[in-house]
C-alpha atoms as a PDB file:
ATOM      1  CA  MET A   1      23.751  60.327 -26.839  1.00  0.00           C
ATOM      2  CA  ASN A   2      22.905  60.477 -23.805  1.00  0.00           C
ATOM      3  CA  GLU A   3      19.487  58.515 -22.966  1.00  0.00           C
ATOM      4  CA  ARG A   4      18.783  62.210 -21.141  1.00  0.00           C
ATOM      5  CA  ILE A   5      19.205  64.426 -24.131  1.00  0.00           C
ATOM      6  CA  THR A   6      17.193  64.722 -26.804  1.00  0.00           C
ATOM      7  CA  VAL A   7      17.012  65.923 -30.161  1.00  0.00           C
ATOM      8  CA  ASP A   8      13.395  66.146 -31.487  1.00  0.00           C
ATOM      9  CA  ALA A   9      12.662  68.296 -34.970  1.00  0.00           C
ATOM     10  CA  GLY A  10       9.216  69.232 -33.245  1.00  0.00           C
ATOM     11  CA  VAL A  11      10.452  70.213 -28.938  1.00  0.00           C
ATOM     12  CA  CYS A  12      12.202  73.440 -29.404  1.00  0.00           C
ATOM     13  CA  HIS A  13      13.333  74.146 -32.739  1.00  0.00           C
ATOM     14  CA  GLY A  14      15.335  70.669 -32.462  1.00  0.00           C
ATOM     15  CA  LYS A  15      17.448  71.564 -29.868  1.00  0.00           C
ATOM     16  CA  PRO A  16      18.748  69.645 -27.511  1.00  0.00           C
ATOM     17  CA  CYS A  17      16.240  69.086 -24.400  1.00  0.00           C
ATOM     18  CA  ILE A  18      16.298  67.242 -21.748  1.00  0.00           C
ATOM     19  CA  THR A  19      14.494  64.040 -22.098  1.00  0.00           C
ATOM     20  CA  GLY A  20      10.740  64.470 -21.336  1.00  0.00           C
ATOM     21  CA  THR A  21      11.389  68.255 -20.396  1.00  0.00           C
ATOM     22  CA  ARG A  22      11.340  71.018 -23.151  1.00  0.00           C
ATOM     23  CA  ILE A  23      15.126  71.907 -20.923  1.00  0.00           C
ATOM     24  CA  MET A  24      16.794  73.311 -23.746  1.00  0.00           C
ATOM     25  CA  VAL A  25      20.846  71.754 -23.096  1.00  0.00           C
ATOM     26  CA  SER A  26      21.270  75.582 -23.973  1.00  0.00           C
ATOM     27  CA  ASN A  27      19.438  76.945 -20.553  1.00  0.00           C
ATOM     28  CA  ILE A  28      21.349  75.116 -18.223  1.00  0.00           C
ATOM     29  CA  LEU A  29      24.622  75.974 -20.082  1.00  0.00           C
ATOM     30  CA  ASN A  30      24.339  79.499 -19.527  1.00  0.00           C
ATOM     31  CA  LEU A  31      22.998  79.492 -16.077  1.00  0.00           C
ATOM     32  CA  LEU A  32      25.709  77.562 -15.321  1.00  0.00           C
ATOM     33  CA  ALA A  33      28.732  79.642 -17.658  1.00  0.00           C
ATOM     34  CA  HIS A  34      27.084  82.868 -15.494  1.00  0.00           C
ATOM     35  CA  GLY A  35      27.542  81.400 -12.054  1.00  0.00           C
ATOM     36  CA  ALA A  36      25.177  79.298 -10.879  1.00  0.00           C
ATOM     37  CA  SER A  37      25.542  76.568  -8.676  1.00  0.00           C
ATOM     38  CA  VAL A  38      23.921  73.500 -10.200  1.00  0.00           C
ATOM     39  CA  ASP A  39      21.484  73.393  -6.844  1.00  0.00           C
ATOM     40  CA  GLU A  40      20.154  76.815  -8.469  1.00  0.00           C
ATOM     41  CA  VAL A  41      19.406  75.301 -11.185  1.00  0.00           C
ATOM     42  CA  LEU A  42      17.720  72.692  -9.304  1.00  0.00           C
ATOM     43  CA  GLU A  43      15.636  75.541  -7.782  1.00  0.00           C
ATOM     44  CA  GLY A  44      15.237  76.859 -10.893  1.00  0.00           C
ATOM     45  CA  TYR A  45      14.571  73.946 -12.778  1.00  0.00           C
ATOM     46  CA  PRO A  46      12.777  71.626 -10.285  1.00  0.00           C
ATOM     47  CA  ARG A  47      11.914  69.151 -12.454  1.00  0.00           C
ATOM     48  CA  LEU A  48      15.690  68.802 -13.626  1.00  0.00           C
ATOM     49  CA  THR A  49      17.887  65.442 -11.697  1.00  0.00           C
ATOM     50  CA  ARG A  50      21.314  66.626 -10.665  1.00  0.00           C
ATOM     51  CA  GLU A  51      21.683  63.699 -13.921  1.00  0.00           C
ATOM     52  CA  ASP A  52      20.308  65.766 -15.900  1.00  0.00           C
ATOM     53  CA  VAL A  53      22.157  68.862 -15.487  1.00  0.00           C
ATOM     54  CA  HIS A  54      25.779  66.806 -15.985  1.00  0.00           C
ATOM     55  CA  ALA A  55      24.320  65.275 -18.462  1.00  0.00           C
ATOM     56  CA  ALA A  56      23.876  68.392 -19.709  1.00  0.00           C
ATOM     57  CA  LEU A  57      27.455  69.440 -19.612  1.00  0.00           C
ATOM     58  CA  ALA A  58      28.211  65.823 -20.731  1.00  0.00           C
ATOM     59  CA  TYR A  59      26.040  66.559 -24.101  1.00  0.00           C
ATOM     60  CA  ALA A  60      28.714  69.960 -24.326  1.00  0.00           C
ATOM     61  CA  GLU A  61      31.536  67.926 -24.120  1.00  0.00           C
ATOM     62  CA  ALA A  62      30.974  65.793 -26.603  1.00  0.00           C
ATOM     63  CA  VAL A  63      29.999  68.175 -28.876  1.00  0.00           C
ATOM     64  CA  ILE A  64      33.008  70.332 -28.768  1.00  0.00           C
ATOM     65  CA  GLU A  65      35.321  66.901 -29.060  1.00  0.00           C
ATOM     66  CA  ASP A  66      33.529  66.171 -32.268  1.00  0.00           C
ATOM     67  CA  GLU A  67      34.147  69.531 -33.700  1.00  0.00           C
ATOM     68  CA  GLU A  68      36.241  69.768 -36.657  1.00  0.00           C
ATOM     69  CA  VAL A  69      38.637  73.220 -36.769  1.00  0.00           C
ATOM     70  CA  ILE A  70      40.077  74.790 -39.839  1.00  0.00           C
ATOM     71  CA  LEU A  71      42.699  77.239 -39.367  1.00  0.00           C
ATOM     72  CA  THR A  72      43.016  79.579 -42.410  1.00  0.00           C
ATOM     73  CA  ALA A  73      45.776  82.208 -42.639  1.00  0.00           C
ATOM     74  CA  VAL A  74      45.120  85.799 -41.979  1.00  0.00           C
END
């Protein structure tokens, strides 16, 4: 896992966060998914760096890459 992302059961109910913050990866992804630019994310979360935002995207990509899809007949 990227050193910029932490998963700790005692922080944000174990949701992946940017290390040293309580900023959840899902919050960053939600903003980006709804059209915010990286610069807008950084304005909203001044503690973040551009590398943190990229780490959140890389984390999401890794989770999806490892996902197993089971197709069922309908």
